[in-house]
Amino acid sequence: MRTFSATILEHSFPRYVLVGSIGFIIDAGLLAVLHYGVGWEVMASRFCSFAVAVTATWLLNRVITFADSRSHRLLAEWFRYTVVNVLGGGLNLAVFAGVMHLANSNIAQPMTAIVFSSLVALAFTYSANRWLVFAATEERE
């Protein structure tokens, strides 16, 4: 008998969310180490932590989430993945700002905005990565 978790992980979206969670831990952990531990300026720390997290999630998504459709042109695939995720980050910030602007002022407003903006960005990046970055690559090879 198959377990519920084994059945869920057959699909690419839960694996994508799992990889993204690992990426968040890498991103936040490295940000903390660089900013609080090493003493780097916060934006330099954040830029570095984001770059490492994007590269780590690209590698994990190649192996775990989209293993059947990864490209043999590693640099081109990594570049497409990075562009999609930078655009997803920009979309996340734009939606967050829009929700903050439109929402009534209350204590939960930023949390509501970040949840909504994160879900929008998740839908965008999953779709773009699935159909543009890790799509069947015969045409691009």
N, C-alpha and C. Protein backbone atom coordinates (compact mmCIF):
# COMPACT_ATOMS: atom_id res chain seq x y z
N MET A 1 0.84 -1.18 0.00
CA MET A 1 0.00 0.00 0.00
C MET A 1 0.89 1.24 0.00
N ARG A 2 0.55 2.15 -0.84
CA ARG A 2 1.33 3.38 -0.97
C ARG A 2 0.89 4.38 0.08
N THR A 3 1.87 5.12 0.56
CA THR A 3 1.55 6.14 1.56
C THR A 3 1.03 7.39 0.88
N PHE A 4 0.33 8.20 1.66
CA PHE A 4 -0.20 9.47 1.16
C PHE A 4 0.92 10.35 0.64
N SER A 5 2.03 10.44 1.39
CA SER A 5 3.14 11.30 0.97
C SER A 5 3.77 10.81 -0.32
N ALA A 6 3.86 9.50 -0.52
CA ALA A 6 4.42 8.98 -1.76
C ALA A 6 3.51 9.33 -2.94
N THR A 7 2.21 9.25 -2.74
CA THR A 7 1.26 9.59 -3.79
C THR A 7 1.33 11.07 -4.13
N ILE A 8 1.37 11.92 -3.11
CA ILE A 8 1.43 13.37 -3.32
C ILE A 8 2.71 13.74 -4.09
N LEU A 9 3.83 13.14 -3.72
CA LEU A 9 5.11 13.51 -4.32
C LEU A 9 5.30 12.97 -5.74
N GLU A 10 4.30 12.21 -6.26
CA GLU A 10 4.35 11.80 -7.65
C GLU A 10 4.15 13.00 -8.58
N HIS A 11 3.48 14.01 -8.09
CA HIS A 11 3.14 15.18 -8.89
C HIS A 11 4.22 16.26 -8.73
N SER A 12 4.46 17.01 -9.79
CA SER A 12 5.56 17.98 -9.76
C SER A 12 5.29 19.18 -8.85
N PHE A 13 4.03 19.61 -8.70
CA PHE A 13 3.78 20.81 -7.91
C PHE A 13 4.16 20.64 -6.43
N PRO A 14 3.77 19.55 -5.75
CA PRO A 14 4.23 19.40 -4.35
C PRO A 14 5.75 19.30 -4.24
N ARG A 15 6.39 18.68 -5.21
CA ARG A 15 7.86 18.63 -5.19
C ARG A 15 8.45 20.03 -5.37
N TYR A 16 7.81 20.84 -6.23
CA TYR A 16 8.25 22.21 -6.44
C TYR A 16 8.13 23.02 -5.15
N VAL A 17 7.04 22.84 -4.44
CA VAL A 17 6.84 23.54 -3.16
C VAL A 17 7.87 23.07 -2.14
N LEU A 18 8.16 21.77 -2.11
CA LEU A 18 9.18 21.24 -1.20
C LEU A 18 10.55 21.85 -1.51
N VAL A 19 10.92 21.89 -2.77
CA VAL A 19 12.20 22.49 -3.17
C VAL A 19 12.22 23.98 -2.81
N GLY A 20 11.11 24.67 -3.04
CA GLY A 20 11.03 26.09 -2.69
C GLY A 20 11.20 26.32 -1.20
N SER A 21 10.67 25.41 -0.40
CA SER A 21 10.83 25.51 1.06
C SER A 21 12.29 25.35 1.46
N ILE A 22 12.96 24.42 0.82
CA ILE A 22 14.40 24.25 1.06
C ILE A 22 15.15 25.51 0.63
N GLY A 23 14.74 26.07 -0.50
CA GLY A 23 15.36 27.31 -0.98
C GLY A 23 15.17 28.46 0.00
N PHE A 24 13.98 28.55 0.60
CA PHE A 24 13.73 29.59 1.59
C PHE A 24 14.67 29.43 2.79
N ILE A 25 14.86 28.21 3.25
CA ILE A 25 15.75 27.95 4.39
C ILE A 25 17.18 28.35 4.03
N ILE A 26 17.61 28.02 2.83
CA ILE A 26 18.95 28.42 2.37
C ILE A 26 19.06 29.93 2.32
N ASP A 27 18.06 30.57 1.71
CA ASP A 27 18.06 32.02 1.54
C ASP A 27 18.09 32.73 2.89
N ALA A 28 17.15 32.39 3.77
CA ALA A 28 17.07 33.04 5.08
C ALA A 28 18.28 32.72 5.95
N GLY A 29 18.74 31.48 5.89
CA GLY A 29 19.89 31.08 6.70
C GLY A 29 21.16 31.80 6.28
N LEU A 30 21.41 31.86 4.99
CA LEU A 30 22.61 32.55 4.51
C LEU A 30 22.52 34.05 4.74
N LEU A 31 21.32 34.62 4.57
CA LEU A 31 21.13 36.04 4.88
C LEU A 31 21.51 36.31 6.34
N ALA A 32 21.04 35.49 7.25
CA ALA A 32 21.35 35.67 8.67
C ALA A 32 22.84 35.54 8.94
N VAL A 33 23.48 34.54 8.35
CA VAL A 33 24.91 34.34 8.56
C VAL A 33 25.71 35.53 8.04
N LEU A 34 25.41 35.95 6.82
CA LEU A 34 26.18 37.04 6.22
C LEU A 34 25.94 38.38 6.91
N HIS A 35 24.68 38.67 7.25
CA HIS A 35 24.37 39.97 7.84
C HIS A 35 24.72 40.01 9.33
N TYR A 36 24.22 39.06 10.08
CA TYR A 36 24.44 39.09 11.53
C TYR A 36 25.77 38.49 11.94
N GLY A 37 26.19 37.44 11.24
CA GLY A 37 27.43 36.77 11.62
C GLY A 37 28.68 37.43 11.08
N VAL A 38 28.67 37.72 9.78
CA VAL A 38 29.84 38.28 9.12
C VAL A 38 29.84 39.80 9.17
N GLY A 39 28.65 40.40 9.26
CA GLY A 39 28.55 41.85 9.34
C GLY A 39 28.39 42.56 8.02
N TRP A 40 28.02 41.81 6.96
CA TRP A 40 27.77 42.44 5.68
C TRP A 40 26.54 43.34 5.76
N GLU A 41 26.48 44.35 4.89
CA GLU A 41 25.30 45.19 4.75
C GLU A 41 24.13 44.30 4.33
N VAL A 42 22.93 44.65 4.76
CA VAL A 42 21.77 43.77 4.58
C VAL A 42 21.46 43.50 3.11
N MET A 43 21.53 44.50 2.24
CA MET A 43 21.19 44.28 0.83
C MET A 43 22.25 43.44 0.12
N ALA A 44 23.50 43.61 0.45
CA ALA A 44 24.56 42.76 -0.11
C ALA A 44 24.37 41.32 0.35
N SER A 45 24.02 41.16 1.62
CA SER A 45 23.74 39.83 2.17
C SER A 45 22.57 39.20 1.45
N ARG A 46 21.52 40.00 1.23
CA ARG A 46 20.30 39.49 0.59
C ARG A 46 20.55 39.12 -0.86
N PHE A 47 21.31 39.92 -1.57
CA PHE A 47 21.63 39.62 -2.96
C PHE A 47 22.38 38.29 -3.05
N CYS A 48 23.37 38.12 -2.21
CA CYS A 48 24.16 36.89 -2.20
C CYS A 48 23.30 35.69 -1.80
N SER A 49 22.49 35.83 -0.76
CA SER A 49 21.67 34.71 -0.30
C SER A 49 20.65 34.32 -1.37
N PHE A 50 20.08 35.31 -2.06
CA PHE A 50 19.12 35.03 -3.14
C PHE A 50 19.80 34.28 -4.27
N ALA A 51 20.99 34.72 -4.68
CA ALA A 51 21.71 34.07 -5.77
C ALA A 51 22.03 32.61 -5.43
N VAL A 52 22.47 32.36 -4.22
CA VAL A 52 22.77 30.99 -3.79
C VAL A 52 21.49 30.16 -3.75
N ALA A 53 20.41 30.72 -3.21
CA ALA A 53 19.15 30.00 -3.11
C ALA A 53 18.58 29.67 -4.49
N VAL A 54 18.66 30.61 -5.43
CA VAL A 54 18.16 30.36 -6.78
C VAL A 54 18.96 29.24 -7.44
N THR A 55 20.27 29.27 -7.30
CA THR A 55 21.10 28.21 -7.88
C THR A 55 20.81 26.86 -7.22
N ALA A 56 20.66 26.85 -5.91
CA ALA A 56 20.36 25.60 -5.21
C ALA A 56 19.01 25.03 -5.64
N THR A 57 18.00 25.90 -5.74
CA THR A 57 16.68 25.39 -6.13
C THR A 57 16.66 24.96 -7.60
N TRP A 58 17.45 25.62 -8.44
CA TRP A 58 17.56 25.17 -9.83
C TRP A 58 18.10 23.74 -9.86
N LEU A 59 19.19 23.50 -9.11
CA LEU A 59 19.77 22.15 -9.08
C LEU A 59 18.79 21.13 -8.52
N LEU A 60 18.12 21.48 -7.42
CA LEU A 60 17.15 20.55 -6.82
C LEU A 60 15.95 20.32 -7.74
N ASN A 61 15.47 21.36 -8.39
CA ASN A 61 14.34 21.17 -9.32
C ASN A 61 14.75 20.33 -10.52
N ARG A 62 15.99 20.44 -10.96
CA ARG A 62 16.48 19.59 -12.06
C ARG A 62 16.43 18.13 -11.67
N VAL A 63 16.79 17.83 -10.43
CA VAL A 63 16.91 16.44 -9.98
C VAL A 63 15.59 15.90 -9.42
N ILE A 64 14.86 16.73 -8.68
CA ILE A 64 13.68 16.25 -7.95
C ILE A 64 12.37 16.54 -8.68
N THR A 65 12.18 17.75 -9.14
CA THR A 65 10.87 18.17 -9.64
C THR A 65 10.69 17.91 -11.12
N PHE A 66 11.66 18.28 -11.93
CA PHE A 66 11.52 18.21 -13.38
C PHE A 66 12.60 17.33 -14.01
N ALA A 67 12.95 16.24 -13.36
CA ALA A 67 14.06 15.39 -13.82
C ALA A 67 13.85 14.84 -15.23
N ASP A 68 12.61 14.62 -15.63
CA ASP A 68 12.33 14.04 -16.94
C ASP A 68 12.47 15.04 -18.09
N SER A 69 12.56 16.32 -17.78
CA SER A 69 12.55 17.30 -18.86
C SER A 69 13.66 18.33 -18.75
N ARG A 70 14.72 18.01 -18.05
CA ARG A 70 15.81 18.97 -17.92
C ARG A 70 16.66 19.02 -19.18
N SER A 71 17.30 20.13 -19.36
CA SER A 71 18.12 20.38 -20.54
C SER A 71 19.54 19.86 -20.33
N HIS A 72 20.21 19.61 -21.45
CA HIS A 72 21.64 19.25 -21.39
C HIS A 72 22.51 20.50 -21.45
N ARG A 73 21.90 21.62 -21.79
CA ARG A 73 22.61 22.90 -21.85
C ARG A 73 22.43 23.59 -20.49
N LEU A 74 23.31 23.25 -19.57
CA LEU A 74 23.16 23.68 -18.18
C LEU A 74 23.13 25.19 -18.01
N LEU A 75 24.05 25.90 -18.62
CA LEU A 75 24.12 27.35 -18.43
C LEU A 75 22.87 28.04 -18.98
N ALA A 76 22.40 27.61 -20.13
CA ALA A 76 21.19 28.21 -20.72
C ALA A 76 19.97 27.92 -19.83
N GLU A 77 19.88 26.71 -19.33
CA GLU A 77 18.76 26.37 -18.45
C GLU A 77 18.83 27.17 -17.14
N TRP A 78 20.03 27.24 -16.55
CA TRP A 78 20.19 28.02 -15.32
C TRP A 78 19.82 29.48 -15.57
N PHE A 79 20.22 30.05 -16.70
CA PHE A 79 19.90 31.44 -17.01
C PHE A 79 18.38 31.63 -17.12
N ARG A 80 17.70 30.75 -17.86
CA ARG A 80 16.24 30.84 -17.98
C ARG A 80 15.58 30.73 -16.60
N TYR A 81 16.04 29.82 -15.78
CA TYR A 81 15.50 29.63 -14.44
C TYR A 81 15.70 30.88 -13.59
N THR A 82 16.88 31.46 -13.67
CA THR A 82 17.18 32.66 -12.91
C THR A 82 16.29 33.82 -13.35
N VAL A 83 16.13 34.00 -14.65
CA VAL A 83 15.27 35.07 -15.16
C VAL A 83 13.83 34.88 -14.66
N VAL A 84 13.32 33.67 -14.77
CA VAL A 84 11.95 33.40 -14.29
C VAL A 84 11.83 33.73 -12.81
N ASN A 85 12.80 33.37 -12.01
CA ASN A 85 12.70 33.58 -10.57
C ASN A 85 12.93 35.03 -10.17
N VAL A 86 13.73 35.76 -10.91
CA VAL A 86 13.87 37.20 -10.66
C VAL A 86 12.55 37.89 -11.02
N LEU A 87 11.96 37.52 -12.15
CA LEU A 87 10.65 38.07 -12.52
C LEU A 87 9.59 37.71 -11.47
N GLY A 88 9.64 36.48 -10.98
CA GLY A 88 8.71 36.06 -9.92
C GLY A 88 8.90 36.87 -8.65
N GLY A 89 10.13 37.17 -8.32
CA GLY A 89 10.40 38.02 -7.15
C GLY A 89 9.86 39.42 -7.35
N GLY A 90 10.03 39.96 -8.55
CA GLY A 90 9.48 41.28 -8.85
C GLY A 90 7.96 41.28 -8.81
N LEU A 91 7.34 40.23 -9.34
CA LEU A 91 5.88 40.10 -9.28
C LEU A 91 5.42 40.03 -7.83
N ASN A 92 6.14 39.26 -7.02
CA ASN A 92 5.81 39.13 -5.60
C ASN A 92 5.81 40.51 -4.93
N LEU A 93 6.85 41.28 -5.16
CA LEU A 93 6.94 42.61 -4.56
C LEU A 93 5.86 43.55 -5.08
N ALA A 94 5.57 43.48 -6.37
CA ALA A 94 4.55 44.35 -6.96
C ALA A 94 3.16 44.03 -6.41
N VAL A 95 2.84 42.75 -6.33
CA VAL A 95 1.53 42.36 -5.78
C VAL A 95 1.46 42.73 -4.30
N PHE A 96 2.54 42.52 -3.57
CA PHE A 96 2.59 42.89 -2.16
C PHE A 96 2.30 44.39 -2.00
N ALA A 97 2.99 45.20 -2.80
CA ALA A 97 2.79 46.66 -2.72
C ALA A 97 1.36 47.03 -3.09
N GLY A 98 0.81 46.38 -4.10
CA GLY A 98 -0.56 46.66 -4.51
C GLY A 98 -1.58 46.31 -3.44
N VAL A 99 -1.41 45.16 -2.83
CA VAL A 99 -2.33 44.76 -1.76
C VAL A 99 -2.21 45.71 -0.57
N MET A 100 -0.99 46.08 -0.23
CA MET A 100 -0.78 47.01 0.88
C MET A 100 -1.46 48.35 0.58
N HIS A 101 -1.39 48.78 -0.66
CA HIS A 101 -1.99 50.07 -1.04
C HIS A 101 -3.52 50.00 -1.00
N LEU A 102 -4.08 48.89 -1.44
CA LEU A 102 -5.53 48.77 -1.54
C LEU A 102 -6.21 48.35 -0.23
N ALA A 103 -5.47 47.66 0.62
CA ALA A 103 -6.07 47.10 1.84
C ALA A 103 -6.28 48.19 2.89
N ASN A 104 -7.24 47.96 3.73
CA ASN A 104 -7.44 48.86 4.88
C ASN A 104 -6.30 48.65 5.86
N SER A 105 -5.96 49.69 6.59
CA SER A 105 -4.88 49.61 7.55
C SER A 105 -5.32 48.78 8.76
N ASN A 106 -4.64 47.68 9.00
CA ASN A 106 -4.83 46.89 10.21
C ASN A 106 -3.57 46.06 10.46
N ILE A 107 -3.52 45.42 11.60
CA ILE A 107 -2.29 44.73 12.01
C ILE A 107 -1.94 43.54 11.12
N ALA A 108 -2.96 42.89 10.52
CA ALA A 108 -2.71 41.71 9.70
C ALA A 108 -2.40 42.05 8.24
N GLN A 109 -2.50 43.30 7.88
CA GLN A 109 -2.34 43.72 6.49
C GLN A 109 -1.04 43.21 5.85
N PRO A 110 0.13 43.40 6.45
CA PRO A 110 1.35 42.90 5.79
C PRO A 110 1.36 41.37 5.65
N MET A 111 0.83 40.67 6.63
CA MET A 111 0.81 39.20 6.54
C MET A 111 -0.15 38.74 5.45
N THR A 112 -1.29 39.39 5.34
CA THR A 112 -2.23 39.08 4.27
C THR A 112 -1.59 39.35 2.92
N ALA A 113 -0.93 40.48 2.81
CA ALA A 113 -0.29 40.86 1.55
C ALA A 113 0.82 39.90 1.17
N ILE A 114 1.62 39.46 2.13
CA ILE A 114 2.73 38.57 1.78
C ILE A 114 2.23 37.17 1.41
N VAL A 115 1.18 36.72 2.07
CA VAL A 115 0.61 35.42 1.70
C VAL A 115 0.06 35.48 0.28
N PHE A 116 -0.74 36.49 0.00
CA PHE A 116 -1.33 36.62 -1.34
C PHE A 116 -0.26 36.78 -2.41
N SER A 117 0.70 37.67 -2.17
CA SER A 117 1.74 37.92 -3.18
C SER A 117 2.62 36.68 -3.38
N SER A 118 2.87 35.95 -2.32
CA SER A 118 3.68 34.73 -2.43
C SER A 118 2.95 33.66 -3.24
N LEU A 119 1.65 33.53 -3.05
CA LEU A 119 0.87 32.56 -3.81
C LEU A 119 0.83 32.92 -5.29
N VAL A 120 0.67 34.20 -5.60
CA VAL A 120 0.68 34.64 -6.99
C VAL A 120 2.04 34.34 -7.62
N ALA A 121 3.11 34.67 -6.92
CA ALA A 121 4.46 34.43 -7.44
C ALA A 121 4.73 32.93 -7.58
N LEU A 122 4.24 32.13 -6.64
CA LEU A 122 4.41 30.68 -6.72
C LEU A 122 3.73 30.14 -7.98
N ALA A 123 2.51 30.57 -8.24
CA ALA A 123 1.79 30.12 -9.45
C ALA A 123 2.55 30.53 -10.71
N PHE A 124 3.05 31.76 -10.73
CA PHE A 124 3.80 32.24 -11.90
C PHE A 124 5.09 31.45 -12.10
N THR A 125 5.90 31.32 -11.05
CA THR A 125 7.20 30.66 -11.22
C THR A 125 7.05 29.18 -11.52
N TYR A 126 6.08 28.51 -10.88
CA TYR A 126 5.87 27.09 -11.19
C TYR A 126 5.49 26.92 -12.67
N SER A 127 4.53 27.70 -13.11
CA SER A 127 4.07 27.59 -14.50
C SER A 127 5.20 27.92 -15.48
N ALA A 128 5.90 29.02 -15.25
CA ALA A 128 6.97 29.43 -16.15
C ALA A 128 8.12 28.42 -16.14
N ASN A 129 8.47 27.93 -14.96
CA ASN A 129 9.55 26.94 -14.90
C ASN A 129 9.13 25.64 -15.57
N ARG A 130 7.90 25.23 -15.35
CA ARG A 130 7.43 23.98 -15.95
C ARG A 130 7.35 24.08 -17.47
N TRP A 131 6.82 25.19 -17.99
CA TRP A 131 6.55 25.28 -19.42
C TRP A 131 7.65 25.97 -20.22
N LEU A 132 8.49 26.77 -19.58
CA LEU A 132 9.54 27.49 -20.31
C LEU A 132 10.95 27.01 -20.01
N VAL A 133 11.22 26.72 -18.76
CA VAL A 133 12.59 26.34 -18.37
C VAL A 133 12.80 24.84 -18.51
N PHE A 134 11.89 24.05 -17.96
CA PHE A 134 12.05 22.60 -17.94
C PHE A 134 11.10 21.89 -18.91
N ALA A 135 10.62 22.60 -19.91
CA ALA A 135 9.76 21.99 -20.93
C ALA A 135 10.59 21.03 -21.76
N ALA A 136 9.93 20.20 -22.52
CA ALA A 136 10.66 19.31 -23.42
C ALA A 136 11.63 20.18 -24.22
N THR A 137 12.88 19.80 -24.22
CA THR A 137 13.93 20.70 -24.69
C THR A 137 14.48 20.34 -26.07
N GLU A 138 13.88 19.39 -26.77
CA GLU A 138 14.45 19.00 -28.06
C GLU A 138 14.59 20.18 -29.02
N GLU A 139 13.59 21.09 -28.99
CA GLU A 139 13.63 22.22 -29.91
C GLU A 139 14.78 23.17 -29.61
N ARG A 140 15.17 23.27 -28.35
CA ARG A 140 16.22 24.23 -27.94
C ARG A 140 17.60 23.62 -28.00
N GLU A 141 17.71 22.33 -28.05
CA GLU A 141 19.02 21.66 -27.98
C GLU A 141 19.77 21.76 -29.29
